[in-house]
Amino acid sequence: MTEQKFYLKNMVSKSCIKLIELYFQSIEGVIIKSVFLGNVVLSYDKSIVSIEKLTNSFKEIGFEVIEDDDAILTEKIKVASIELIIFSSNNNSIIRNSDYISDRVQEPYDKISKVFSRMTGTTLEKFIIALKIEKVKDLVLEDKLTLSEISYQLDYSSVQYLSKQFKQTTGYTFSEFRNLENPPRIHVDEILRAQ
């Protein structure tokens, strides 16, 4: 058995993990060792399945295998940002975004920032703001937290600053957004394309 780590583009949700687990369980000669946002480790029998078949299998279910170092780093940065902003249920104000991401991808922040900007055409700061706005949309529509609690949870200095950024980004106030019949949403893996 050969073990291989695959880095995947746009593998950014828990449903992506589940899809990969279900799909690769049915392929003879393949054992899933681990699946995390952004990467998968497979053990496979070369006499039954080739690396090309595995790469094509990822493509069949919508994932691109990436091998370029800067592209891999960019995906790691995206995943770390998504984990911090979207999936974190604790207050990220405890740790600075830059420190968390730098620690998570094991690279200095200045390198992270430069590579991300060059590879995506936008700044990491703008990407994080877009993630925060999507998280705010979720929280506003859930209607379980006050705007002060949302502001604190997402590390905004004030409700006024959050309100201003929300209006600038979406074109709506919180009450206008809440009252829309179909509030506009951007899926996490589409955020970079929307900028």
N, C-alpha and C. Protein backbone atom coordinates (compact mmCIF):
# COMPACT_ATOMS: atom_id res chain seq x y z
N MET A 1 0.85 -1.19 0.00
CA MET A 1 0.00 0.00 0.00
C MET A 1 0.89 1.25 0.00
N THR A 2 0.50 2.21 -0.82
CA THR A 2 1.21 3.48 -0.92
C THR A 2 0.35 4.55 -0.28
N GLU A 3 0.99 5.42 0.50
CA GLU A 3 0.25 6.50 1.14
C GLU A 3 0.56 7.81 0.44
N GLN A 4 -0.48 8.60 0.17
CA GLN A 4 -0.32 9.86 -0.57
C GLN A 4 -1.21 10.93 0.05
N LYS A 5 -0.64 12.12 0.24
CA LYS A 5 -1.43 13.27 0.70
C LYS A 5 -1.80 14.10 -0.52
N PHE A 6 -3.08 14.41 -0.64
CA PHE A 6 -3.59 15.23 -1.73
C PHE A 6 -4.07 16.56 -1.17
N TYR A 7 -3.60 17.66 -1.74
CA TYR A 7 -4.12 18.98 -1.40
C TYR A 7 -5.17 19.32 -2.44
N LEU A 8 -6.34 19.77 -1.97
CA LEU A 8 -7.47 20.00 -2.86
C LEU A 8 -7.92 21.44 -2.84
N LYS A 9 -8.22 21.96 -4.00
CA LYS A 9 -8.72 23.32 -4.14
C LYS A 9 -10.20 23.36 -3.82
N ASN A 10 -10.60 24.37 -3.08
CA ASN A 10 -11.99 24.65 -2.71
C ASN A 10 -12.67 23.56 -1.90
N MET A 11 -11.91 22.86 -1.10
CA MET A 11 -12.49 21.91 -0.16
C MET A 11 -12.67 22.66 1.16
N VAL A 12 -13.81 23.35 1.29
CA VAL A 12 -13.94 24.34 2.35
C VAL A 12 -15.11 24.13 3.31
N SER A 13 -15.76 22.99 3.23
CA SER A 13 -16.90 22.78 4.13
C SER A 13 -16.91 21.35 4.66
N LYS A 14 -17.68 21.18 5.71
CA LYS A 14 -17.81 19.85 6.31
C LYS A 14 -18.51 18.89 5.36
N SER A 15 -19.37 19.41 4.50
CA SER A 15 -20.03 18.53 3.52
C SER A 15 -19.03 18.03 2.48
N CYS A 16 -17.99 18.80 2.20
CA CYS A 16 -16.92 18.34 1.29
C CYS A 16 -16.21 17.13 1.90
N ILE A 17 -15.96 17.20 3.19
CA ILE A 17 -15.30 16.08 3.89
C ILE A 17 -16.17 14.84 3.78
N LYS A 18 -17.45 14.99 4.04
CA LYS A 18 -18.38 13.85 4.00
C LYS A 18 -18.46 13.26 2.59
N LEU A 19 -18.52 14.13 1.58
CA LEU A 19 -18.58 13.68 0.20
C LEU A 19 -17.36 12.83 -0.15
N ILE A 20 -16.20 13.29 0.22
CA ILE A 20 -14.96 12.55 -0.07
C ILE A 20 -14.94 11.22 0.67
N GLU A 21 -15.35 11.23 1.94
CA GLU A 21 -15.38 9.98 2.70
C GLU A 21 -16.30 8.97 2.04
N LEU A 22 -17.49 9.39 1.67
CA LEU A 22 -18.45 8.48 1.04
C LEU A 22 -17.96 7.99 -0.32
N TYR A 23 -17.42 8.89 -1.11
CA TYR A 23 -16.98 8.54 -2.46
C TYR A 23 -15.83 7.54 -2.44
N PHE A 24 -14.82 7.81 -1.65
CA PHE A 24 -13.63 6.96 -1.67
C PHE A 24 -13.79 5.65 -0.90
N GLN A 25 -14.82 5.54 -0.07
CA GLN A 25 -15.10 4.26 0.59
C GLN A 25 -15.50 3.20 -0.42
N SER A 26 -16.04 3.65 -1.55
CA SER A 26 -16.54 2.69 -2.55
C SER A 26 -15.48 2.30 -3.59
N ILE A 27 -14.29 2.86 -3.51
CA ILE A 27 -13.26 2.54 -4.50
C ILE A 27 -12.37 1.42 -3.96
N GLU A 28 -12.33 0.32 -4.71
CA GLU A 28 -11.54 -0.84 -4.30
C GLU A 28 -10.06 -0.49 -4.28
N GLY A 29 -9.38 -0.96 -3.24
CA GLY A 29 -7.94 -0.75 -3.13
C GLY A 29 -7.55 0.57 -2.51
N VAL A 30 -8.53 1.33 -1.98
CA VAL A 30 -8.26 2.64 -1.38
C VAL A 30 -8.74 2.65 0.07
N ILE A 31 -7.87 3.13 0.95
CA ILE A 31 -8.23 3.31 2.35
C ILE A 31 -8.04 4.78 2.70
N ILE A 32 -9.05 5.38 3.28
CA ILE A 32 -8.97 6.77 3.70
C ILE A 32 -8.25 6.81 5.05
N LYS A 33 -7.12 7.50 5.08
CA LYS A 33 -6.35 7.63 6.32
C LYS A 33 -6.82 8.85 7.11
N SER A 34 -7.02 9.98 6.41
CA SER A 34 -7.53 11.18 7.07
C SER A 34 -8.13 12.12 6.03
N VAL A 35 -9.12 12.88 6.48
CA VAL A 35 -9.75 13.88 5.63
C VAL A 35 -9.94 15.14 6.48
N PHE A 36 -9.35 16.22 6.03
CA PHE A 36 -9.49 17.51 6.69
C PHE A 36 -9.84 18.54 5.63
N LEU A 37 -10.29 19.70 6.06
CA LEU A 37 -10.51 20.77 5.10
C LEU A 37 -9.20 21.02 4.35
N GLY A 38 -9.25 20.91 3.04
CA GLY A 38 -8.08 21.22 2.22
C GLY A 38 -7.16 20.07 1.87
N ASN A 39 -7.27 18.94 2.58
CA ASN A 39 -6.38 17.83 2.24
C ASN A 39 -6.94 16.48 2.66
N VAL A 40 -6.46 15.47 1.94
CA VAL A 40 -6.89 14.09 2.16
C VAL A 40 -5.65 13.21 2.09
N VAL A 41 -5.55 12.27 3.00
CA VAL A 41 -4.49 11.27 2.94
C VAL A 41 -5.14 9.93 2.63
N LEU A 42 -4.69 9.34 1.50
CA LEU A 42 -5.21 8.04 1.09
C LEU A 42 -4.08 7.02 1.07
N SER A 43 -4.41 5.81 1.40
CA SER A 43 -3.52 4.68 1.23
C SER A 43 -4.14 3.85 0.11
N TYR A 44 -3.32 3.47 -0.88
CA TYR A 44 -3.90 2.77 -2.01
C TYR A 44 -2.96 1.69 -2.54
N ASP A 45 -3.57 0.69 -3.12
CA ASP A 45 -2.85 -0.44 -3.70
C ASP A 45 -2.58 -0.11 -5.17
N LYS A 46 -1.30 0.08 -5.50
CA LYS A 46 -0.92 0.48 -6.87
C LYS A 46 -1.30 -0.56 -7.92
N SER A 47 -1.45 -1.81 -7.50
CA SER A 47 -1.82 -2.84 -8.47
C SER A 47 -3.30 -2.77 -8.85
N ILE A 48 -4.09 -2.03 -8.05
CA ILE A 48 -5.53 -1.92 -8.30
C ILE A 48 -5.90 -0.53 -8.82
N VAL A 49 -5.30 0.50 -8.27
CA VAL A 49 -5.67 1.87 -8.61
C VAL A 49 -4.40 2.73 -8.79
N SER A 50 -4.44 3.59 -9.80
CA SER A 50 -3.29 4.46 -10.09
C SER A 50 -3.50 5.85 -9.49
N ILE A 51 -2.43 6.59 -9.40
CA ILE A 51 -2.50 7.97 -8.92
C ILE A 51 -3.37 8.81 -9.87
N GLU A 52 -3.31 8.50 -11.16
CA GLU A 52 -4.13 9.21 -12.14
C GLU A 52 -5.61 8.96 -11.89
N LYS A 53 -5.96 7.70 -11.57
CA LYS A 53 -7.36 7.37 -11.27
C LYS A 53 -7.83 8.13 -10.04
N LEU A 54 -6.97 8.23 -9.03
CA LEU A 54 -7.35 8.96 -7.81
C LEU A 54 -7.54 10.45 -8.12
N THR A 55 -6.62 11.02 -8.88
CA THR A 55 -6.73 12.43 -9.27
C THR A 55 -8.01 12.67 -10.06
N ASN A 56 -8.31 11.78 -10.99
CA ASN A 56 -9.55 11.89 -11.78
C ASN A 56 -10.78 11.70 -10.90
N SER A 57 -10.67 10.85 -9.90
CA SER A 57 -11.80 10.65 -8.98
C SER A 57 -12.12 11.93 -8.24
N PHE A 58 -11.08 12.64 -7.81
CA PHE A 58 -11.31 13.93 -7.15
C PHE A 58 -12.01 14.89 -8.11
N LYS A 59 -11.57 14.92 -9.36
CA LYS A 59 -12.17 15.81 -10.37
C LYS A 59 -13.65 15.47 -10.58
N GLU A 60 -13.96 14.17 -10.59
CA GLU A 60 -15.34 13.74 -10.81
C GLU A 60 -16.30 14.30 -9.77
N ILE A 61 -15.80 14.51 -8.56
CA ILE A 61 -16.69 15.02 -7.51
C ILE A 61 -16.44 16.51 -7.23
N GLY A 62 -15.70 17.16 -8.15
CA GLY A 62 -15.59 18.62 -8.10
C GLY A 62 -14.39 19.22 -7.41
N PHE A 63 -13.36 18.43 -7.18
CA PHE A 63 -12.17 18.96 -6.52
C PHE A 63 -10.96 18.86 -7.43
N GLU A 64 -10.13 19.89 -7.37
CA GLU A 64 -8.90 19.91 -8.16
C GLU A 64 -7.72 19.62 -7.25
N VAL A 65 -6.91 18.64 -7.63
CA VAL A 65 -5.68 18.33 -6.88
C VAL A 65 -4.67 19.41 -7.23
N ILE A 66 -4.07 20.00 -6.22
CA ILE A 66 -3.07 21.04 -6.46
C ILE A 66 -1.71 20.57 -5.95
N GLU A 67 -0.68 20.94 -6.69
CA GLU A 67 0.67 20.50 -6.35
C GLU A 67 1.65 21.66 -6.23
N ASP A 68 1.34 22.81 -6.82
CA ASP A 68 2.20 23.98 -6.75
C ASP A 68 2.28 24.47 -5.30
N ASP A 69 3.47 24.76 -4.81
CA ASP A 69 3.66 25.15 -3.41
C ASP A 69 2.86 26.40 -3.03
N ASP A 70 2.86 27.41 -3.90
CA ASP A 70 2.11 28.63 -3.58
C ASP A 70 0.61 28.38 -3.61
N ALA A 71 0.14 27.53 -4.51
CA ALA A 71 -1.28 27.19 -4.56
C ALA A 71 -1.68 26.41 -3.31
N ILE A 72 -0.82 25.51 -2.85
CA ILE A 72 -1.09 24.76 -1.62
C ILE A 72 -1.13 25.71 -0.43
N LEU A 73 -0.17 26.62 -0.35
CA LEU A 73 -0.15 27.60 0.74
C LEU A 73 -1.42 28.45 0.72
N THR A 74 -1.84 28.87 -0.46
CA THR A 74 -3.05 29.68 -0.59
C THR A 74 -4.27 28.92 -0.07
N GLU A 75 -4.38 27.65 -0.41
CA GLU A 75 -5.51 26.84 0.10
C GLU A 75 -5.43 26.69 1.61
N LYS A 76 -4.23 26.51 2.14
CA LYS A 76 -4.07 26.41 3.60
C LYS A 76 -4.52 27.71 4.27
N ILE A 77 -4.18 28.84 3.67
CA ILE A 77 -4.58 30.14 4.21
C ILE A 77 -6.10 30.27 4.18
N LYS A 78 -6.73 29.89 3.05
CA LYS A 78 -8.18 29.95 2.95
C LYS A 78 -8.84 29.08 4.01
N VAL A 79 -8.33 27.86 4.16
CA VAL A 79 -8.91 26.94 5.15
C VAL A 79 -8.75 27.49 6.57
N ALA A 80 -7.57 28.00 6.89
CA ALA A 80 -7.35 28.56 8.24
C ALA A 80 -8.28 29.74 8.48
N SER A 81 -8.48 30.59 7.48
CA SER A 81 -9.37 31.74 7.61
C SER A 81 -10.81 31.29 7.81
N ILE A 82 -11.22 30.29 7.05
CA ILE A 82 -12.58 29.76 7.15
C ILE A 82 -12.80 29.11 8.52
N GLU A 83 -11.83 28.34 8.98
CA GLU A 83 -11.94 27.73 10.32
C GLU A 83 -12.10 28.81 11.38
N LEU A 84 -11.30 29.85 11.28
CA LEU A 84 -11.32 30.92 12.28
C LEU A 84 -12.63 31.70 12.27
N ILE A 85 -13.10 32.08 11.09
CA ILE A 85 -14.26 32.96 11.00
C ILE A 85 -15.58 32.19 10.93
N ILE A 86 -15.67 31.20 10.09
CA ILE A 86 -16.95 30.52 9.84
C ILE A 86 -17.25 29.43 10.86
N PHE A 87 -16.28 28.57 11.15
CA PHE A 87 -16.56 27.41 11.99
C PHE A 87 -16.26 27.61 13.47
N SER A 88 -15.58 28.67 13.80
CA SER A 88 -15.24 28.92 15.19
C SER A 88 -16.47 29.41 15.93
N SER A 89 -16.77 28.80 17.04
CA SER A 89 -17.92 29.25 17.82
C SER A 89 -17.47 30.09 19.01
N ASN A 90 -16.16 30.18 19.19
CA ASN A 90 -15.67 31.02 20.29
C ASN A 90 -15.32 32.39 19.75
N ASN A 91 -15.00 33.29 20.61
CA ASN A 91 -14.68 34.65 20.21
C ASN A 91 -13.26 34.71 19.68
N ASN A 92 -13.12 35.05 18.40
CA ASN A 92 -11.78 35.11 17.85
C ASN A 92 -11.04 36.36 18.27
N SER A 93 -11.68 37.21 19.06
CA SER A 93 -10.99 38.38 19.56
C SER A 93 -9.89 38.00 20.55
N ILE A 94 -9.92 36.77 21.02
CA ILE A 94 -8.89 36.28 21.93
C ILE A 94 -7.54 36.20 21.21
N ILE A 95 -7.56 35.92 19.94
CA ILE A 95 -6.33 35.80 19.17
C ILE A 95 -6.46 36.62 17.89
N ARG A 96 -5.42 37.30 17.52
CA ARG A 96 -5.45 38.10 16.28
C ARG A 96 -5.53 37.17 15.08
N ASN A 97 -6.28 37.60 14.07
CA ASN A 97 -6.43 36.80 12.87
C ASN A 97 -5.08 36.44 12.27
N SER A 98 -4.19 37.42 12.17
CA SER A 98 -2.88 37.18 11.57
C SER A 98 -2.08 36.15 12.34
N ASP A 99 -2.13 36.20 13.67
CA ASP A 99 -1.40 35.23 14.49
C ASP A 99 -1.96 33.82 14.30
N TYR A 100 -3.29 33.72 14.30
CA TYR A 100 -3.91 32.41 14.14
C TYR A 100 -3.54 31.79 12.80
N ILE A 101 -3.69 32.56 11.73
CA ILE A 101 -3.43 32.04 10.38
C ILE A 101 -1.96 31.69 10.22
N SER A 102 -1.09 32.54 10.69
CA SER A 102 0.36 32.29 10.61
C SER A 102 0.72 31.01 11.36
N ASP A 103 0.17 30.86 12.54
CA ASP A 103 0.44 29.66 13.33
C ASP A 103 -0.13 28.41 12.66
N ARG A 104 -1.31 28.55 12.11
CA ARG A 104 -2.00 27.40 11.49
C ARG A 104 -1.27 26.89 10.24
N VAL A 105 -0.73 27.80 9.43
CA VAL A 105 -0.06 27.38 8.19
C VAL A 105 1.46 27.30 8.35
N GLN A 106 1.95 27.67 9.53
CA GLN A 106 3.38 27.56 9.85
C GLN A 106 4.27 28.38 8.91
N GLU A 107 3.83 29.61 8.63
CA GLU A 107 4.60 30.53 7.80
C GLU A 107 4.45 31.93 8.39
N PRO A 108 5.45 32.79 8.18
CA PRO A 108 5.33 34.18 8.67
C PRO A 108 4.23 34.93 7.94
N TYR A 109 3.57 35.84 8.64
CA TYR A 109 2.41 36.51 8.08
C TYR A 109 2.74 37.33 6.83
N ASP A 110 3.92 37.96 6.78
CA ASP A 110 4.23 38.75 5.59
C ASP A 110 4.30 37.87 4.34
N LYS A 111 4.82 36.66 4.47
CA LYS A 111 4.86 35.73 3.33
C LYS A 111 3.44 35.30 2.96
N ILE A 112 2.66 34.96 3.98
CA ILE A 112 1.27 34.54 3.76
C ILE A 112 0.50 35.61 2.99
N SER A 113 0.62 36.83 3.44
CA SER A 113 -0.10 37.94 2.84
C SER A 113 0.31 38.16 1.38
N LYS A 114 1.60 38.12 1.11
CA LYS A 114 2.09 38.33 -0.26
C LYS A 114 1.65 37.20 -1.20
N VAL A 115 1.82 35.97 -0.77
CA VAL A 115 1.45 34.82 -1.60
C VAL A 115 -0.06 34.84 -1.87
N PHE A 116 -0.85 35.07 -0.83
CA PHE A 116 -2.30 35.09 -0.99
C PHE A 116 -2.73 36.15 -2.00
N SER A 117 -2.19 37.36 -1.87
CA SER A 117 -2.55 38.44 -2.80
C SER A 117 -2.15 38.11 -4.23
N ARG A 118 -0.95 37.57 -4.39
CA ARG A 118 -0.47 37.25 -5.74
C ARG A 118 -1.30 36.13 -6.36
N MET A 119 -1.66 35.13 -5.59
CA MET A 119 -2.38 33.97 -6.12
C MET A 119 -3.87 34.22 -6.33
N THR A 120 -4.46 35.12 -5.56
CA THR A 120 -5.91 35.31 -5.63
C THR A 120 -6.33 36.62 -6.27
N GLY A 121 -5.45 37.60 -6.29
CA GLY A 121 -5.80 38.90 -6.84
C GLY A 121 -6.53 39.79 -5.84
N THR A 122 -6.61 39.38 -4.60
CA THR A 122 -7.22 40.20 -3.55
C THR A 122 -6.37 40.05 -2.29
N THR A 123 -6.58 40.94 -1.36
CA THR A 123 -5.80 40.86 -0.13
C THR A 123 -6.44 39.88 0.85
N LEU A 124 -5.63 39.37 1.74
CA LEU A 124 -6.14 38.48 2.78
C LEU A 124 -7.12 39.23 3.67
N GLU A 125 -6.85 40.49 3.93
CA GLU A 125 -7.75 41.29 4.75
C GLU A 125 -9.14 41.38 4.13
N LYS A 126 -9.21 41.61 2.82
CA LYS A 126 -10.51 41.68 2.14
C LYS A 126 -11.22 40.33 2.18
N PHE A 127 -10.47 39.26 2.04
CA PHE A 127 -11.05 37.92 2.11
C PHE A 127 -11.64 37.67 3.50
N ILE A 128 -10.91 38.03 4.53
CA ILE A 128 -11.39 37.84 5.90
C ILE A 128 -12.63 38.69 6.15
N ILE A 129 -12.65 39.92 5.65
CA ILE A 129 -13.84 40.77 5.80
C ILE A 129 -15.03 40.11 5.11
N ALA A 130 -14.82 39.58 3.91
CA ALA A 130 -15.92 38.92 3.19
C ALA A 130 -16.43 37.70 3.97
N LEU A 131 -15.52 36.94 4.56
CA LEU A 131 -15.92 35.80 5.40
C LEU A 131 -16.73 36.28 6.60
N LYS A 132 -16.25 37.34 7.23
CA LYS A 132 -16.97 37.88 8.39
C LYS A 132 -18.37 38.32 8.02
N ILE A 133 -18.50 38.99 6.89
CA ILE A 133 -19.82 39.48 6.46
C ILE A 133 -20.77 38.29 6.22
N GLU A 134 -20.27 37.22 5.62
CA GLU A 134 -21.12 36.03 5.43
C GLU A 134 -21.51 35.41 6.77
N LYS A 135 -20.59 35.41 7.72
CA LYS A 135 -20.91 34.90 9.06
C LYS A 135 -21.94 35.81 9.73
N VAL A 136 -21.78 37.12 9.58
CA VAL A 136 -22.74 38.06 10.13
C VAL A 136 -24.13 37.80 9.55
N LYS A 137 -24.19 37.57 8.23
CA LYS A 137 -25.48 37.26 7.60
C LYS A 137 -26.15 36.06 8.28
N ASP A 138 -25.36 35.00 8.50
CA ASP A 138 -25.89 33.82 9.19
C ASP A 138 -26.45 34.19 10.56
N LEU A 139 -25.66 34.91 11.33
CA LEU A 139 -26.05 35.24 12.69
C LEU A 139 -27.24 36.19 12.73
N VAL A 140 -27.30 37.12 11.80
CA VAL A 140 -28.44 38.05 11.74
C VAL A 140 -29.71 37.28 11.40
N LEU A 141 -29.63 36.36 10.44
CA LEU A 141 -30.81 35.59 10.05
C LEU A 141 -31.24 34.60 11.13
N GLU A 142 -30.28 34.06 11.90
CA GLU A 142 -30.62 33.17 13.02
C GLU A 142 -31.38 33.92 14.09
N ASP A 143 -31.04 35.20 14.26
CA ASP A 143 -31.72 36.09 15.21
C ASP A 143 -31.63 35.58 16.65
N LYS A 144 -30.49 34.99 17.03
CA LYS A 144 -30.30 34.51 18.40
C LYS A 144 -29.38 35.43 19.21
N LEU A 145 -28.53 36.20 18.51
CA LEU A 145 -27.60 37.09 19.19
C LEU A 145 -27.95 38.54 18.91
N THR A 146 -27.62 39.41 19.85
CA THR A 146 -27.78 40.84 19.61
C THR A 146 -26.66 41.30 18.69
N LEU A 147 -26.82 42.49 18.12
CA LEU A 147 -25.76 43.04 17.27
C LEU A 147 -24.48 43.27 18.08
N SER A 148 -24.62 43.61 19.34
CA SER A 148 -23.43 43.77 20.21
C SER A 148 -22.70 42.45 20.37
N GLU A 149 -23.44 41.38 20.55
CA GLU A 149 -22.83 40.05 20.69
C GLU A 149 -22.16 39.61 19.39
N ILE A 150 -22.81 39.87 18.27
CA ILE A 150 -22.23 39.55 16.96
C ILE A 150 -20.95 40.35 16.75
N SER A 151 -21.02 41.63 17.06
CA SER A 151 -19.86 42.51 16.92
C SER A 151 -18.69 41.99 17.75
N TYR A 152 -18.96 41.62 18.98
CA TYR A 152 -17.91 41.11 19.87
C TYR A 152 -17.36 39.77 19.36
N GLN A 153 -18.27 38.87 18.98
CA GLN A 153 -17.85 37.55 18.53
C GLN A 153 -16.93 37.62 17.31
N LEU A 154 -17.19 38.57 16.42
CA LEU A 154 -16.39 38.67 15.20
C LEU A 154 -15.31 39.75 15.29
N ASP A 155 -15.04 40.22 16.52
CA ASP A 155 -13.92 41.11 16.80
C ASP A 155 -14.03 42.47 16.13
N TYR A 156 -15.25 43.01 16.06
CA TYR A 156 -15.42 44.38 15.58
C TYR A 156 -15.28 45.32 16.78
N SER A 157 -14.72 46.48 16.55
CA SER A 157 -14.50 47.42 17.64
C SER A 157 -15.80 47.99 18.20
N SER A 158 -16.85 48.02 17.35
CA SER A 158 -18.14 48.54 17.80
C SER A 158 -19.24 48.06 16.86
N VAL A 159 -20.46 48.16 17.34
CA VAL A 159 -21.62 47.83 16.51
C VAL A 159 -21.70 48.80 15.34
N GLN A 160 -21.35 50.06 15.58
CA GLN A 160 -21.39 51.06 14.52
C GLN A 160 -20.43 50.68 13.38
N TYR A 161 -19.24 50.23 13.73
CA TYR A 161 -18.26 49.85 12.70
C TYR A 161 -18.75 48.63 11.92
N LEU A 162 -19.30 47.65 12.63
CA LEU A 162 -19.87 46.47 11.98
C LEU A 162 -21.01 46.88 11.05
N SER A 163 -21.90 47.75 11.54
CA SER A 163 -23.04 48.20 10.73
C SER A 163 -22.58 48.91 9.47
N LYS A 164 -21.57 49.76 9.61
CA LYS A 164 -21.05 50.49 8.46
C LYS A 164 -20.44 49.53 7.44
N GLN A 165 -19.63 48.57 7.91
CA GLN A 165 -19.00 47.61 6.99
C GLN A 165 -20.05 46.72 6.34
N PHE A 166 -21.06 46.32 7.08
CA PHE A 166 -22.13 45.47 6.54
C PHE A 166 -22.87 46.23 5.43
N LYS A 167 -23.21 47.48 5.68
CA LYS A 167 -23.93 48.30 4.69
C LYS A 167 -23.07 48.53 3.44
N GLN A 168 -21.77 48.83 3.65
CA GLN A 168 -20.87 49.05 2.51
C GLN A 168 -20.72 47.79 1.66
N THR A 169 -20.68 46.64 2.31
CA THR A 169 -20.44 45.38 1.61
C THR A 169 -21.70 44.85 0.94
N THR A 170 -22.81 44.88 1.65
CA THR A 170 -24.04 44.26 1.15
C THR A 170 -24.99 45.26 0.48
N GLY A 171 -24.91 46.51 0.87
CA GLY A 171 -25.86 47.51 0.39
C GLY A 171 -27.12 47.60 1.24
N TYR A 172 -27.16 46.82 2.33
CA TYR A 172 -28.34 46.77 3.19
C TYR A 172 -27.98 47.08 4.64
N THR A 173 -28.94 47.63 5.35
CA THR A 173 -28.83 47.69 6.81
C THR A 173 -29.22 46.31 7.33
N PHE A 174 -29.00 46.08 8.61
CA PHE A 174 -29.36 44.77 9.18
C PHE A 174 -30.86 44.51 9.06
N SER A 175 -31.67 45.50 9.37
CA SER A 175 -33.13 45.28 9.30
C SER A 175 -33.59 45.08 7.87
N GLU A 176 -33.02 45.82 6.93
CA GLU A 176 -33.37 45.61 5.52
C GLU A 176 -33.00 44.20 5.07
N PHE A 177 -31.82 43.76 5.46
CA PHE A 177 -31.35 42.42 5.08
C PHE A 177 -32.26 41.34 5.67
N ARG A 178 -32.62 41.50 6.94
CA ARG A 178 -33.47 40.54 7.63
C ARG A 178 -34.84 40.42 6.97
N ASN A 179 -35.32 41.52 6.41
CA ASN A 179 -36.66 41.55 5.83
C ASN A 179 -36.72 41.14 4.37
N LEU A 180 -35.58 40.85 3.75
CA LEU A 180 -35.58 40.42 2.36
C LEU A 180 -36.20 39.03 2.23
N GLU A 181 -36.92 38.82 1.16
CA GLU A 181 -37.54 37.51 0.93
C GLU A 181 -36.48 36.44 0.68
N ASN A 182 -35.50 36.75 -0.14
CA ASN A 182 -34.37 35.85 -0.41
C ASN A 182 -33.07 36.61 -0.20
N PRO A 183 -32.60 36.68 1.05
CA PRO A 183 -31.37 37.44 1.31
C PRO A 183 -30.20 36.88 0.50
N PRO A 184 -29.45 37.76 -0.18
CA PRO A 184 -28.32 37.29 -0.99
C PRO A 184 -27.21 36.68 -0.13
N ARG A 185 -26.79 35.51 -0.53
CA ARG A 185 -25.75 34.80 0.21
C ARG A 185 -24.66 34.41 -0.77
N ILE A 186 -23.44 34.33 -0.28
CA ILE A 186 -22.32 33.86 -1.08
C ILE A 186 -21.75 32.65 -0.36
N HIS A 187 -21.72 31.52 -1.06
CA HIS A 187 -21.15 30.32 -0.45
C HIS A 187 -19.66 30.54 -0.24
N VAL A 188 -19.13 29.97 0.81
CA VAL A 188 -17.73 30.18 1.20
C VAL A 188 -16.76 29.94 0.03
N ASP A 189 -16.97 28.89 -0.74
CA ASP A 189 -16.01 28.61 -1.83
C ASP A 189 -16.18 29.56 -3.01
N GLU A 190 -17.20 30.43 -2.98
CA GLU A 190 -17.42 31.42 -4.03
C GLU A 190 -16.95 32.82 -3.65
N ILE A 191 -16.53 33.00 -2.43
CA ILE A 191 -16.19 34.35 -1.94
C ILE A 191 -15.09 35.01 -2.77
N LEU A 192 -14.03 34.27 -3.08
CA LEU A 192 -12.94 34.88 -3.85
C LEU A 192 -13.39 35.26 -5.25
N ARG A 193 -14.26 34.47 -5.83
CA ARG A 193 -14.76 34.79 -7.18
C ARG A 193 -15.67 36.02 -7.16
N ALA A 194 -16.31 36.27 -6.03
CA ALA A 194 -17.24 37.38 -5.93
C ALA A 194 -16.54 38.72 -5.71
N GLN A 195 -15.26 38.69 -5.42
CA GLN A 195 -14.55 39.95 -5.12
C GLN A 195 -13.97 40.57 -6.35
